[in-house]
């Protein structure tokens, strides 16, 4: 189940990022998503390249590492090159 082994962001709270900023959701195994906006007390993220959005508490979000950003973008580009529906 999601969130069982999640670790909260113990650093100071992040300021609200610009739309499109890549963030890692620590409550979902460091899943990388693009920041879409604020929905009440939650932040909305969506997979790189599109897909179903999800909401997460800001305390479980951190900036995505460069390696994570590259991995997410490469996965999207590979899927697109195979003709998968994104």
Protein backbone atom coordinates (compact mmCIF):
# COMPACT_ATOMS: atom_id res chain seq x y z
CA UNK A 1 0.00 0.00 0.00
CA UNK A 2 1.21 3.48 -0.76
CA UNK A 3 2.62 5.52 2.05
CA UNK A 4 3.49 2.73 4.46
CA UNK A 5 7.22 3.33 4.21
CA UNK A 6 7.00 6.95 3.19
CA UNK A 7 9.35 9.37 4.81
CA UNK A 8 8.22 12.90 5.34
CA UNK A 9 10.32 15.77 4.07
CA UNK A 10 11.98 16.80 7.35
CA UNK A 11 13.61 19.86 5.84
CA UNK A 12 11.88 23.22 5.78
CA UNK A 13 8.77 23.33 3.57
CA UNK A 14 9.30 23.89 -0.13
CA UNK A 15 7.89 27.04 -1.67
CA UNK A 16 5.18 26.39 -4.24
CA UNK A 17 7.11 25.50 -7.43
CA UNK A 18 6.43 26.72 -10.95
CA UNK A 19 4.10 24.55 -13.07
CA UNK A 20 6.09 21.89 -14.92
CA UNK A 21 8.78 21.56 -12.24
CA UNK A 22 9.78 17.92 -11.76
CA UNK A 23 9.32 16.66 -8.22
CA UNK A 24 9.70 13.29 -6.50
CA UNK A 25 6.82 11.95 -4.42
CA UNK A 26 8.43 10.08 -1.51
CA UNK A 27 5.10 8.59 -0.43
CA UNK A 28 4.97 6.65 -3.73
CA UNK A 29 8.50 5.31 -3.96
CA UNK A 30 10.07 8.52 -5.31
CA UNK A 31 7.69 8.62 -8.28
CA UNK A 32 8.59 11.62 -10.45
CA UNK A 33 5.89 13.97 -11.64
CA UNK A 34 5.40 17.44 -13.06
CA UNK A 35 3.95 19.97 -10.66
CA UNK A 36 0.51 21.07 -11.91
CA UNK A 37 -0.83 23.24 -9.11
CA UNK A 38 -2.27 23.43 -5.62
CA UNK A 39 -5.52 21.64 -4.76
CA UNK A 40 -6.46 22.64 -1.23
CA UNK A 41 -3.80 21.24 1.13
CA UNK A 42 -2.36 19.01 -1.61
CA UNK A 43 -0.11 19.49 -4.61
CA UNK A 44 -1.15 17.99 -7.94
CA UNK A 45 1.47 16.07 -9.90
CA UNK A 46 1.22 14.18 -13.18
CA UNK A 47 3.57 11.78 -14.94
CA UNK A 48 6.14 13.24 -17.31
CA UNK A 49 4.59 13.53 -20.76
CA UNK A 50 1.01 13.27 -19.54
CA UNK A 51 -1.22 10.84 -17.76
CA UNK A 52 -3.45 10.72 -14.74
CA UNK A 53 -2.70 13.32 -12.08
CA UNK A 54 -2.36 12.45 -8.43
CA UNK A 55 -2.34 14.52 -5.28
CA UNK A 56 0.26 14.48 -2.56
CA UNK A 57 0.89 16.34 0.66
CA UNK A 58 3.71 18.87 0.19
CA UNK A 59 5.65 17.31 3.08
CA UNK A 60 6.18 14.17 0.96
CA UNK A 61 7.59 16.06 -2.02
CA UNK A 62 11.17 16.95 -2.83
CA UNK A 63 12.90 18.28 -5.94
CA UNK A 64 13.67 15.43 -8.34
CA UNK A 65 17.35 14.60 -8.68
CA UNK A 66 18.87 15.06 -12.12
CA UNK A 67 19.14 11.27 -12.48
CA UNK A 68 15.43 10.90 -11.68
CA UNK A 69 14.50 13.64 -14.16
CA UNK A 70 16.51 11.97 -16.92
CA UNK A 71 15.04 8.55 -16.14
CA UNK A 72 11.46 9.88 -16.29
CA UNK A 73 12.02 11.78 -19.54
CA UNK A 74 13.84 8.85 -21.15
CA UNK A 75 11.03 6.44 -20.22
CA UNK A 76 8.50 8.79 -21.81
CA UNK A 77 10.57 9.21 -24.99
CA UNK A 78 11.07 5.44 -25.30
CA UNK A 79 7.34 4.80 -24.92
CA UNK A 80 6.56 7.44 -27.51
CA UNK A 81 9.08 5.95 -29.97
CA UNK A 82 7.40 2.53 -29.58
CA UNK A 83 4.07 4.13 -30.51
CA UNK A 84 2.49 3.56 -27.11
CA UNK A 85 -0.53 5.65 -26.22
CA UNK A 86 0.62 8.16 -23.63
